[in-house]
């Protein structure tokens, strides 16, 4: 999640927006000089737009917290540049013939930043905490199939499943399942993280910066820089200035015009892929939205392409629910793939509200740069069919707390995608999902489909099931999925080996060097 100062809603749309994006792409292939030799004692400064306040791995939901913690903590597995699970803190697991037992062998010599050895006891402790409902872990749904976890010996962890789960390895690849030390209190970790990652937590200045130092005992290899600082700069124009002056070495943008303005002889722009999606979350649990026809009216009244053009200046692609490459939804396979105001009004009549209704839409004065603009675009388009939108523009902390509590009717959100659809959505749309209160919707049909999807490893069979899940979500207008954003990385030309991945993951930032 990203935060930026509210800017006036852009009036650019259509071809003008696409032209702005094309202008940026033309500027991406600059003729910057090659960086010199790497400095062993260099500091790398990464600019972010909000203060990461969630410092326990399983609690992190904001993009900034995930980016920070992925430098401090290590999960058992990670993903390659195609999103496929691969070894990290542990080798890929040995799986029993019945698919119910996963045996992980930990890398030898792994240590926490306090010098203590990382062993199977710590893994069991972490997984048990994640599965504890009292912890309200964002990743609890990833363990829905887990019956028990055993610390078999210091280097071996055995996970027993209650039923086969093809998505289980994918759930272990992100920082939400990063391993924490069993002998450090959670209260302590909330202010001073202790992990086994490439960097060690050093200091924090609230709302200004968090500084990390190189972990000399990192099992993954030599870390490229001596210090990594996450510097908080909410205003994007200030971020551009910081890049140009060299005060910041790298940052992300989702506005192509702003990204273009950061380009200079010392700053190059790189396009990054994304599995993220932007969405208008509708809470069917709310009385105003309980009638499916009310939600379908909203879905039909919105032009997703117009939202991209006006709010994101064309830098995005219309999407359906599932962004996972192997299982991607067809964005046109839904009621009203394009705006249909007549059908929207018909749905309003069926809902018993022919003149429309009032709707509160929560957004952030940031979390990401186009959040407010997207809310205003939704407000304008729904107004065409009599749905009166009140936009609640909140600071990032208030937004996150209300989002986690499910305290909203509708919300503009940016959510992370995943190579496995179950990891994306079981936590939202199953009745026992850890974020089902946020989603506000579940059904016996979805419970059954998600259960079927994880019970097979056959990709073709899983794809057919996830197509049914996607149809269930859009046919009931559970949410309105709008687009996948284009991300632009602005990087100082003194930086080498900066990771640019399909999923926007920066967990391998430790490999970067600065000359």
Protein backbone atom coordinates (compact mmCIF):
# COMPACT_ATOMS: atom_id res chain seq x y z
CA UNK A 1 0.00 0.00 0.00
CA UNK A 2 1.28 3.40 -0.83
CA UNK A 3 0.66 6.91 0.45
CA UNK A 4 0.94 10.18 -1.40
CA UNK A 5 -0.40 13.68 -0.91
CA UNK A 6 -3.76 14.15 -2.59
CA UNK A 7 -3.48 15.76 -5.99
CA UNK A 8 -6.20 17.26 -8.11
CA UNK A 9 -7.94 14.70 -10.22
CA UNK A 10 -6.42 14.63 -13.67
CA UNK A 11 -8.66 15.59 -16.56
CA UNK A 12 -6.49 13.66 -18.99
CA UNK A 13 -8.15 10.58 -20.42
CA UNK A 14 -8.29 8.37 -23.48
CA UNK A 15 -5.63 9.10 -26.07
CA UNK A 16 -4.06 11.81 -23.96
CA UNK A 17 -3.40 9.35 -21.15
CA UNK A 18 -2.02 6.75 -23.53
CA UNK A 19 0.21 9.37 -25.09
CA UNK A 20 1.61 10.22 -21.66
CA UNK A 21 2.41 6.58 -21.07
CA UNK A 22 4.02 6.28 -24.49
CA UNK A 23 6.12 9.36 -23.72
CA UNK A 24 7.43 7.65 -20.63
CA UNK A 25 8.31 4.49 -22.47
CA UNK A 26 10.24 6.53 -25.01
CA UNK A 27 12.28 7.94 -22.15
CA UNK A 28 13.04 4.57 -20.58
CA UNK A 29 15.94 3.79 -22.87
CA UNK A 30 18.23 6.65 -21.91
CA UNK A 31 21.97 6.76 -22.52
CA UNK A 32 23.12 6.95 -18.91
CA UNK A 33 26.73 6.13 -18.14
CA UNK A 34 27.56 2.72 -16.71
CA UNK A 35 28.13 2.66 -12.93
CA UNK A 36 31.65 2.45 -11.58
CA UNK A 37 33.05 -0.13 -9.15
CA UNK A 38 30.76 -1.08 -6.25
CA UNK A 39 31.50 0.40 -2.83
CA UNK A 40 31.54 -2.11 0.00
CA UNK A 41 30.54 0.54 2.54
CA UNK A 42 27.79 2.13 0.42
CA UNK A 43 24.32 3.06 1.64
CA UNK A 44 21.27 2.37 -0.52
CA UNK A 45 18.25 4.63 0.05
CA UNK A 46 14.85 3.38 -1.09
CA UNK A 47 12.09 5.97 -1.14
CA UNK A 48 8.65 4.95 0.14
CA UNK A 49 5.49 6.98 0.56
CA UNK A 50 4.24 5.73 3.94
CA UNK A 51 5.76 4.76 7.26
CA UNK A 52 5.82 0.94 7.68
CA UNK A 53 4.06 0.41 11.00
CA UNK A 54 3.39 -3.35 10.84
CA UNK A 55 6.66 -4.97 11.93
CA UNK A 56 5.60 -8.54 12.78
CA UNK A 57 5.71 -10.56 9.53
CA UNK A 58 2.30 -12.20 9.75
CA UNK A 59 0.58 -8.85 10.43
CA UNK A 60 1.96 -6.95 7.43
CA UNK A 61 -0.63 -5.92 4.85
CA UNK A 62 0.73 -2.59 3.55
CA UNK A 63 3.14 -2.67 0.62
CA UNK A 64 5.67 -0.59 2.53
CA UNK A 65 5.71 -3.00 5.49
CA UNK A 66 6.10 -5.97 3.15
CA UNK A 67 8.99 -4.27 1.34
CA UNK A 68 10.75 -3.50 4.61
CA UNK A 69 10.21 -6.84 6.30
CA UNK A 70 11.28 -8.80 3.22
CA UNK A 71 14.78 -7.41 3.87
CA UNK A 72 14.76 -8.54 7.52
CA UNK A 73 12.92 -11.86 7.56
CA UNK A 74 13.19 -15.01 5.48
CA UNK A 75 10.41 -17.51 4.63
CA UNK A 76 11.07 -21.20 4.05
CA UNK A 77 10.59 -20.78 0.30
CA UNK A 78 10.69 -17.95 -2.22
CA UNK A 79 9.73 -17.61 -5.88
CA UNK A 80 11.76 -17.37 -9.05
CA UNK A 81 11.22 -14.59 -11.58
CA UNK A 82 8.23 -16.53 -12.99
CA UNK A 83 6.54 -16.87 -9.62
CA UNK A 84 7.35 -20.56 -9.15
CA UNK A 85 8.20 -21.64 -5.57
CA UNK A 86 11.88 -22.38 -5.02
CA UNK A 87 14.28 -22.91 -2.10
CA UNK A 88 15.11 -20.18 0.39
CA UNK A 89 15.57 -20.83 4.11
CA UNK A 90 14.72 -24.46 3.34
CA UNK A 91 15.11 -26.72 0.34
CA UNK A 92 12.01 -27.56 -1.66
CA UNK A 93 10.04 -30.05 0.45
CA UNK A 94 9.80 -33.80 0.05
CA UNK A 95 6.11 -34.65 -0.31
CA UNK A 96 4.61 -37.99 0.61
CA UNK A 97 2.82 -40.00 -2.06
CA UNK A 98 -0.57 -39.19 -0.52
CA UNK A 99 0.22 -35.46 -0.51
CA UNK A 100 -0.34 -35.17 3.24
CA UNK A 101 3.21 -34.85 4.59
CA UNK A 102 5.72 -32.13 3.68
CA UNK A 103 9.27 -32.49 4.97
CA UNK A 104 11.51 -29.41 4.90
CA UNK A 105 15.27 -29.43 5.44
CA UNK A 106 16.62 -26.09 6.70
CA UNK A 107 19.79 -24.53 5.34
CA UNK A 108 22.76 -25.14 7.61
CA UNK A 109 24.26 -22.18 9.42
CA UNK A 110 21.19 -19.94 9.28
CA UNK A 111 21.18 -17.44 12.16
CA UNK A 112 18.98 -14.70 13.48
CA UNK A 113 20.41 -11.20 13.66
CA UNK A 114 20.85 -11.55 17.43
CA UNK A 115 23.35 -14.35 16.77
CA UNK A 116 21.13 -17.25 17.81
CA UNK A 117 20.77 -20.29 15.57
CA UNK A 118 17.62 -20.67 13.50
CA UNK A 119 16.28 -24.20 13.78
CA UNK A 120 13.09 -26.22 13.43
CA UNK A 121 11.80 -25.04 16.82
CA UNK A 122 11.59 -21.50 15.46
CA UNK A 123 9.74 -22.67 12.35
CA UNK A 124 7.20 -24.62 14.39
CA UNK A 125 6.75 -21.66 16.74
CA UNK A 126 6.17 -19.28 13.81
CA UNK A 127 3.69 -21.56 12.06
CA UNK A 128 1.79 -22.26 15.27
CA UNK A 129 1.51 -18.51 15.92
CA UNK A 130 0.22 -17.89 12.40
CA UNK A 131 -2.42 -20.60 12.87
CA UNK A 132 -3.51 -19.15 16.22
CA UNK A 133 -6.75 -17.18 15.56
CA UNK A 134 -5.83 -14.78 18.37
CA UNK A 135 -2.91 -13.50 16.29
CA UNK A 136 -5.23 -12.46 13.44
CA UNK A 137 -2.48 -13.35 10.99
CA UNK A 138 -2.88 -12.22 7.38
CA UNK A 139 -1.42 -15.59 6.35
CA UNK A 140 -3.56 -17.87 8.56
CA UNK A 141 -5.62 -19.07 5.60
CA UNK A 142 -2.45 -20.38 3.94
CA UNK A 143 -2.41 -23.02 6.71
CA UNK A 144 -6.08 -24.04 6.45
CA UNK A 145 -5.05 -27.57 5.44
CA UNK A 146 -2.39 -27.98 8.16
CA UNK A 147 -3.16 -30.46 10.93
CA UNK A 148 0.14 -30.17 12.83
CA UNK A 149 3.77 -29.07 12.60
CA UNK A 150 6.64 -31.10 14.06
CA UNK A 151 10.20 -30.03 14.82
CA UNK A 152 11.51 -33.46 13.84
CA UNK A 153 15.16 -32.60 14.49
CA UNK A 154 17.03 -29.27 14.54
CA UNK A 155 17.27 -29.12 10.73
CA UNK A 156 14.01 -30.85 9.81
CA UNK A 157 10.41 -29.60 9.90
CA UNK A 158 7.54 -31.95 9.13
CA UNK A 159 4.14 -30.51 8.25
CA UNK A 160 1.11 -32.80 8.33
CA UNK A 161 -1.93 -31.82 6.27
CA UNK A 162 -5.50 -32.87 6.89
CA UNK A 163 -6.11 -33.05 3.14
CA UNK A 164 -3.99 -32.54 0.01
CA UNK A 165 -3.31 -28.88 -0.76
CA UNK A 166 -1.62 -27.97 -4.03
CA UNK A 167 -1.37 -24.32 -2.98
CA UNK A 168 0.47 -24.96 0.30
CA UNK A 169 4.04 -24.33 -1.00
CA UNK A 170 2.97 -21.02 -2.59
CA UNK A 171 1.76 -19.81 0.79
CA UNK A 172 5.25 -20.24 2.24
CA UNK A 173 7.00 -17.95 -0.25
CA UNK A 174 6.21 -14.52 1.17
CA UNK A 175 7.24 -12.47 4.17
CA UNK A 176 3.85 -13.11 5.81
CA UNK A 177 5.30 -16.52 6.70
CA UNK A 178 8.78 -15.21 7.54
CA UNK A 179 10.38 -17.12 10.42
CA UNK A 180 10.71 -15.36 13.80
CA UNK A 181 12.80 -16.46 16.81
CA UNK A 182 10.89 -18.53 19.36
CA UNK A 183 12.69 -16.93 22.31
CA UNK A 184 11.88 -13.27 21.50
CA UNK A 185 8.50 -11.88 22.55
CA UNK A 186 6.07 -10.68 19.91
CA UNK A 187 5.82 -7.39 21.79
CA UNK A 188 9.55 -6.90 21.31
CA UNK A 189 9.37 -7.77 17.61
CA UNK A 190 6.73 -5.07 17.14
CA UNK A 191 9.37 -2.41 17.80
CA UNK A 192 12.63 -4.21 16.98
CA UNK A 193 12.40 -6.97 14.36
CA UNK A 194 14.81 -9.91 14.66
CA UNK A 195 15.08 -11.99 11.50
CA UNK A 196 17.46 -14.07 9.41
CA UNK A 197 17.34 -11.95 6.28
CA UNK A 198 20.06 -9.98 4.49
CA UNK A 199 19.66 -6.89 6.67
CA UNK A 200 19.45 -6.17 10.39
CA UNK A 201 17.11 -3.61 11.93
CA UNK A 202 19.17 -0.68 13.23
CA UNK A 203 17.07 2.40 13.94
CA UNK A 204 13.80 4.15 13.24
CA UNK A 205 12.70 7.77 13.08
CA UNK A 206 8.88 7.67 12.95
CA UNK A 207 7.43 9.02 9.70
CA UNK A 208 10.95 9.75 8.42
CA UNK A 209 13.09 6.64 7.96
CA UNK A 210 14.03 3.12 8.98
CA UNK A 211 17.70 2.16 8.70
CA UNK A 212 18.99 -1.39 8.27
CA UNK A 213 22.57 -2.66 8.26
CA UNK A 214 24.18 -5.54 6.40
CA UNK A 215 23.79 -8.96 8.01
CA UNK A 216 27.31 -10.46 7.83
CA UNK A 217 25.88 -13.90 8.67
CA UNK A 218 23.24 -13.97 5.95
CA UNK A 219 23.04 -17.52 4.62
CA UNK A 220 22.06 -16.38 1.11
CA UNK A 221 25.36 -14.73 0.19
CA UNK A 222 27.22 -11.45 0.42
CA UNK A 223 24.96 -8.42 0.79
CA UNK A 224 25.73 -5.68 -1.72
CA UNK A 225 25.57 -2.57 0.49
CA UNK A 226 26.51 -1.81 4.09
CA UNK A 227 23.28 0.07 4.86
CA UNK A 228 19.76 0.09 3.47
CA UNK A 229 17.49 2.94 4.44
CA UNK A 230 13.77 3.20 3.72
CA UNK A 231 13.07 6.93 3.59
CA UNK A 232 9.48 8.14 3.95
CA UNK A 233 8.53 10.86 1.46
CA UNK A 234 4.72 11.09 1.09
CA UNK A 235 4.71 13.70 -1.67
CA UNK A 236 5.59 12.32 -5.11
CA UNK A 237 7.06 15.55 -6.43
CA UNK A 238 9.32 15.67 -3.38
CA UNK A 239 10.27 12.06 -4.20
CA UNK A 240 11.18 13.12 -7.74
CA UNK A 241 13.39 15.89 -6.37
CA UNK A 242 15.06 13.47 -3.94
CA UNK A 243 15.86 11.12 -6.83
CA UNK A 244 17.32 13.90 -8.95
CA UNK A 245 19.52 15.20 -6.14
CA UNK A 246 20.69 11.71 -5.21
CA UNK A 247 19.11 11.83 -1.73
CA UNK A 248 17.15 8.71 -2.78
CA UNK A 249 18.60 5.92 -4.93
CA UNK A 250 15.37 4.24 -6.02
CA UNK A 251 11.60 4.47 -5.72
CA UNK A 252 8.42 3.19 -7.34
CA UNK A 253 5.79 5.17 -9.24
CA UNK A 254 2.47 4.15 -10.73
CA UNK A 255 1.87 7.50 -12.45
CA UNK A 256 3.65 7.54 -15.84
CA UNK A 257 3.89 11.34 -16.02
CA UNK A 258 5.44 11.58 -12.54
CA UNK A 259 7.82 8.75 -13.38
CA UNK A 260 8.83 10.49 -16.59
CA UNK A 261 9.55 13.68 -14.67
CA UNK A 262 12.06 11.77 -12.51
CA UNK A 263 14.16 10.82 -15.52
CA UNK A 264 17.56 12.54 -15.72
CA UNK A 265 21.18 11.79 -16.57
CA UNK A 266 21.42 10.15 -13.14
CA UNK A 267 17.99 8.47 -12.97
CA UNK A 268 16.69 5.76 -15.30
CA UNK A 269 13.16 4.35 -15.43
CA UNK A 270 12.47 0.63 -15.56
CA UNK A 271 9.07 -0.94 -16.20
CA UNK A 272 8.14 -3.59 -13.65
CA UNK A 273 5.44 -6.20 -13.98
CA UNK A 274 2.73 -6.70 -11.40
CA UNK A 275 0.28 -9.30 -10.16
CA UNK A 276 -1.47 -6.64 -8.10
CA UNK A 277 -5.01 -5.53 -8.82
CA UNK A 278 -7.04 -2.41 -8.11
CA UNK A 279 -10.56 -3.04 -6.93
CA UNK A 280 -13.71 -1.45 -5.60
CA UNK A 281 -14.41 -3.68 -2.61
CA UNK A 282 -18.11 -4.06 -1.89
CA UNK A 283 -19.12 -5.53 1.45
CA UNK A 284 -22.20 -7.63 0.75
CA UNK A 285 -22.54 -7.99 4.52
CA UNK A 286 -23.59 -4.33 4.60
CA UNK A 287 -27.39 -3.84 4.33
CA UNK A 288 -27.00 -1.32 1.50
CA UNK A 289 -25.15 -3.88 -0.62
CA UNK A 290 -26.83 -7.10 0.51
CA UNK A 291 -29.00 -7.24 -2.63
CA UNK A 292 -26.95 -8.70 -5.50
CA UNK A 293 -28.79 -6.43 -7.96
CA UNK A 294 -27.44 -3.36 -6.15
CA UNK A 295 -23.90 -4.67 -6.58
CA UNK A 296 -24.50 -5.61 -10.22
CA UNK A 297 -25.80 -2.09 -10.84
CA UNK A 298 -22.49 -0.71 -9.55
CA UNK A 299 -20.52 -3.14 -11.71
CA UNK A 300 -22.44 -2.21 -14.86
CA UNK A 301 -22.25 1.54 -14.21
CA UNK A 302 -18.45 1.58 -14.14
CA UNK A 303 -16.15 1.84 -17.14
CA UNK A 304 -12.92 0.20 -16.06
CA UNK A 305 -10.99 1.63 -19.00
CA UNK A 306 -12.20 5.14 -18.18
CA UNK A 307 -10.95 4.68 -14.61
CA UNK A 308 -7.54 3.64 -15.95
CA UNK A 309 -7.41 6.57 -18.35
CA UNK A 310 -8.57 9.28 -15.96
CA UNK A 311 -7.03 8.10 -12.68
CA UNK A 312 -3.92 6.21 -13.81
CA UNK A 313 -3.26 8.10 -17.05
CA UNK A 314 -3.59 4.91 -19.05
CA UNK A 315 -0.92 3.03 -17.08
CA UNK A 316 -2.82 -0.18 -16.43
CA UNK A 317 -4.68 -3.13 -17.91
CA UNK A 318 -8.32 -4.04 -17.31
CA UNK A 319 -8.44 -7.17 -15.16
CA UNK A 320 -10.69 -9.82 -13.75
CA UNK A 321 -10.31 -11.34 -10.28
CA UNK A 322 -7.41 -13.73 -10.92
CA UNK A 323 -4.08 -12.27 -12.07
CA UNK A 324 -2.04 -15.48 -11.62
CA UNK A 325 -0.43 -16.11 -15.04
CA UNK A 326 -1.45 -19.79 -15.32
CA UNK A 327 -5.01 -19.14 -14.15
CA UNK A 328 -5.70 -15.58 -15.30
CA UNK A 329 -9.35 -14.51 -15.54
CA UNK A 330 -10.74 -13.21 -18.80
CA UNK A 331 -11.64 -9.60 -17.91
CA UNK A 332 -14.46 -9.66 -20.48
CA UNK A 333 -16.11 -12.74 -18.96
CA UNK A 334 -18.49 -10.94 -16.62
CA UNK A 335 -21.81 -9.11 -16.64
CA UNK A 336 -21.24 -5.74 -18.33
CA UNK A 337 -17.61 -6.14 -19.46
CA UNK A 338 -17.99 -2.55 -20.67
CA UNK A 339 -20.04 0.22 -19.09
CA UNK A 340 -23.78 -0.31 -19.64
CA UNK A 341 -25.82 2.40 -17.94
CA UNK A 342 -29.16 1.04 -19.19
CA UNK A 343 -28.47 -2.36 -17.65
CA UNK A 344 -27.24 -0.69 -14.45
CA UNK A 345 -30.56 1.16 -14.15
CA UNK A 346 -32.41 -2.10 -14.80
CA UNK A 347 -30.53 -3.74 -11.93
CA UNK A 348 -31.45 -0.79 -9.70
CA UNK A 349 -35.12 -1.38 -10.48
CA UNK A 350 -34.74 -5.08 -9.61
CA UNK A 351 -33.12 -4.05 -6.33
CA UNK A 352 -36.14 -1.86 -5.52
CA UNK A 353 -34.11 1.36 -5.72
CA UNK A 354 -34.88 2.75 -9.21
CA UNK A 355 -33.65 6.22 -8.22
CA UNK A 356 -30.38 4.88 -6.83
CA UNK A 357 -29.02 4.93 -3.30
CA UNK A 358 -26.25 6.44 -1.21
CA UNK A 359 -22.88 4.70 -0.87
CA UNK A 360 -19.87 5.50 1.30
CA UNK A 361 -16.60 4.69 -0.49
CA UNK A 362 -13.49 4.66 1.68
CA UNK A 363 -10.15 5.57 0.13
CA UNK A 364 -6.78 6.76 1.35
CA UNK A 365 -5.05 10.05 0.89
CA UNK A 366 -2.51 7.72 -0.49
CA UNK A 367 -1.62 4.12 0.12
CA UNK A 368 -0.88 4.50 -3.56
CA UNK A 369 -0.85 7.54 -5.76
CA UNK A 370 -4.09 7.10 -7.71
CA UNK A 371 -6.32 6.02 -4.82
CA UNK A 372 -8.23 9.29 -4.45
CA UNK A 373 -8.49 9.76 -8.21
CA UNK A 374 -9.99 6.28 -8.55
CA UNK A 375 -12.57 7.08 -5.87
CA UNK A 376 -13.49 10.30 -7.64
CA UNK A 377 -13.83 8.46 -10.96
CA UNK A 378 -16.15 5.93 -9.28
CA UNK A 379 -18.13 8.79 -7.73
CA UNK A 380 -18.59 10.45 -11.12
CA UNK A 381 -19.61 7.31 -12.99
CA UNK A 382 -22.02 5.95 -10.38
CA UNK A 383 -23.65 9.36 -10.23
CA UNK A 384 -24.85 8.79 -13.80
CA UNK A 385 -27.31 6.17 -12.56
CA UNK A 386 -28.33 7.93 -9.34
CA UNK A 387 -25.92 6.22 -6.94
CA UNK A 388 -24.70 9.04 -4.73
CA UNK A 389 -21.15 8.34 -3.57
CA UNK A 390 -19.68 9.92 -0.49
CA UNK A 391 -15.90 9.64 -0.70
CA UNK A 392 -14.20 9.19 2.67
CA UNK A 393 -10.55 10.17 2.16
CA UNK A 394 -8.56 8.87 5.13
CA UNK A 395 -4.96 8.95 6.29
CA UNK A 396 -3.15 5.66 5.74
CA UNK A 397 -3.19 4.39 9.35
CA UNK A 398 -6.92 5.06 9.78
CA UNK A 399 -7.65 3.43 6.43
CA UNK A 400 -5.68 0.27 7.27
CA UNK A 401 -7.30 -0.12 10.69
CA UNK A 402 -10.82 0.32 9.31
CA UNK A 403 -10.05 -2.01 6.40
CA UNK A 404 -8.80 -4.74 8.73
CA UNK A 405 -11.89 -4.30 10.91
CA UNK A 406 -14.25 -4.48 7.91
CA UNK A 407 -15.58 -1.10 8.99
CA UNK A 408 -16.72 0.22 5.60
CA UNK A 409 -19.43 -0.16 2.95
CA UNK A 410 -17.07 0.03 -0.01
CA UNK A 411 -13.37 0.72 -0.39
CA UNK A 412 -10.87 1.57 -3.09
CA UNK A 413 -8.02 -0.89 -2.60
CA UNK A 414 -4.82 -2.20 -4.10
CA UNK A 415 -4.29 -5.87 -3.22
CA UNK A 416 -1.42 -8.21 -3.91
CA UNK A 417 -1.73 -11.00 -6.43
CA UNK A 418 0.02 -14.35 -6.31
CA UNK A 419 1.06 -17.11 -8.68
CA UNK A 420 -1.49 -19.33 -6.93
CA UNK A 421 -5.13 -18.16 -6.87
CA UNK A 422 -5.86 -19.95 -3.61
CA UNK A 423 -3.20 -17.89 -1.87
CA UNK A 424 -4.79 -14.78 -3.39
CA UNK A 425 -8.39 -15.39 -2.48
CA UNK A 426 -9.11 -18.21 -0.03
CA UNK A 427 -8.35 -15.82 2.81
CA UNK A 428 -11.03 -13.42 1.50
CA UNK A 429 -13.84 -15.55 0.12
CA UNK A 430 -14.01 -18.75 2.17
CA UNK A 431 -16.17 -18.77 5.28
CA UNK A 432 -13.14 -19.42 7.53
CA UNK A 433 -10.76 -17.10 5.66
CA UNK A 434 -8.58 -14.82 7.76
CA UNK A 435 -9.81 -11.76 5.81
CA UNK A 436 -13.42 -12.86 5.27
CA UNK A 437 -14.59 -10.08 7.58
CA UNK A 438 -12.86 -7.61 5.25
CA UNK A 439 -14.35 -9.19 2.13
CA UNK A 440 -17.86 -9.36 3.56
CA UNK A 441 -18.84 -12.29 1.33
CA UNK A 442 -18.64 -16.07 1.32
CA UNK A 443 -20.87 -18.89 0.11
CA UNK A 444 -21.08 -22.68 0.30
CA UNK A 445 -20.37 -22.75 -3.45
CA UNK A 446 -17.12 -20.85 -3.05
CA UNK A 447 -16.10 -22.98 -0.06
CA UNK A 448 -16.62 -26.10 -2.13
CA UNK A 449 -14.80 -24.75 -5.20
CA UNK A 450 -11.77 -23.57 -3.24
CA UNK A 451 -11.63 -26.96 -1.53
CA UNK A 452 -11.74 -28.75 -4.89
CA UNK A 453 -9.05 -26.51 -6.38
CA UNK A 454 -6.41 -27.29 -3.76
CA UNK A 455 -7.17 -31.02 -3.81
CA UNK A 456 -5.55 -31.52 -7.23
CA UNK A 457 -2.12 -30.72 -8.65
CA UNK A 458 -3.28 -30.97 -12.27
CA UNK A 459 -2.97 -27.44 -13.68
CA UNK A 460 -5.67 -27.91 -16.33
CA UNK A 461 -8.17 -29.21 -13.78
CA UNK A 462 -7.31 -26.43 -11.34
CA UNK A 463 -7.71 -23.82 -14.07
CA UNK A 464 -11.23 -25.05 -14.84
CA UNK A 465 -12.14 -24.77 -11.16
CA UNK A 466 -10.67 -21.29 -10.81
CA UNK A 467 -12.62 -20.19 -13.87
CA UNK A 468 -15.76 -21.21 -11.95
CA UNK A 469 -14.54 -19.28 -8.90
CA UNK A 470 -13.90 -16.21 -11.05
CA UNK A 471 -17.39 -16.48 -12.56
CA UNK A 472 -18.95 -16.85 -9.10
CA UNK A 473 -17.22 -13.67 -7.96
CA UNK A 474 -18.12 -11.48 -10.94
CA UNK A 475 -21.62 -12.89 -11.53
CA UNK A 476 -22.44 -11.90 -7.96
CA UNK A 477 -20.49 -8.63 -8.22
CA UNK A 478 -18.79 -9.52 -4.96
CA UNK A 479 -16.24 -6.81 -5.72
CA UNK A 480 -15.61 -4.82 -8.89
CA UNK A 481 -12.14 -5.58 -10.19
CA UNK A 482 -10.87 -2.67 -12.24
CA UNK A 483 -7.26 -2.97 -13.40
CA UNK A 484 -3.72 -4.19 -12.88
CA UNK A 485 -1.42 -1.17 -12.56
CA UNK A 486 1.80 -0.58 -14.42
CA UNK A 487 4.69 0.06 -12.04
CA UNK A 488 7.69 2.19 -12.89
CA UNK A 489 10.96 1.90 -10.98
CA UNK A 490 13.13 5.00 -10.87
CA UNK A 491 16.71 3.94 -10.14
CA UNK A 492 19.91 5.95 -9.79
CA UNK A 493 22.42 5.00 -12.47
CA UNK A 494 25.04 4.35 -9.77
CA UNK A 495 22.98 1.28 -8.78
CA UNK A 496 23.66 -2.12 -10.32
CA UNK A 497 21.75 -5.43 -10.06
CA UNK A 498 18.51 -3.83 -8.90
CA UNK A 499 15.79 -6.50 -9.15
CA UNK A 500 12.96 -5.95 -11.64
CA UNK A 501 10.47 -8.81 -11.39
CA UNK A 502 7.15 -9.80 -12.87
CA UNK A 503 5.46 -9.62 -9.48
CA UNK A 504 7.18 -6.41 -8.31
CA UNK A 505 8.89 -8.32 -5.47
CA UNK A 506 12.02 -6.59 -4.09
CA UNK A 507 13.08 -9.31 -1.64
CA UNK A 508 16.30 -9.72 -3.65
CA UNK A 509 17.23 -6.06 -3.19
CA UNK A 510 20.18 -7.27 -1.12
CA UNK A 511 21.98 -8.17 -4.35
CA UNK A 512 22.07 -4.53 -5.50
CA UNK A 513 25.31 -2.55 -5.29
CA UNK A 514 26.05 1.18 -5.37
CA UNK A 515 29.13 2.65 -7.02
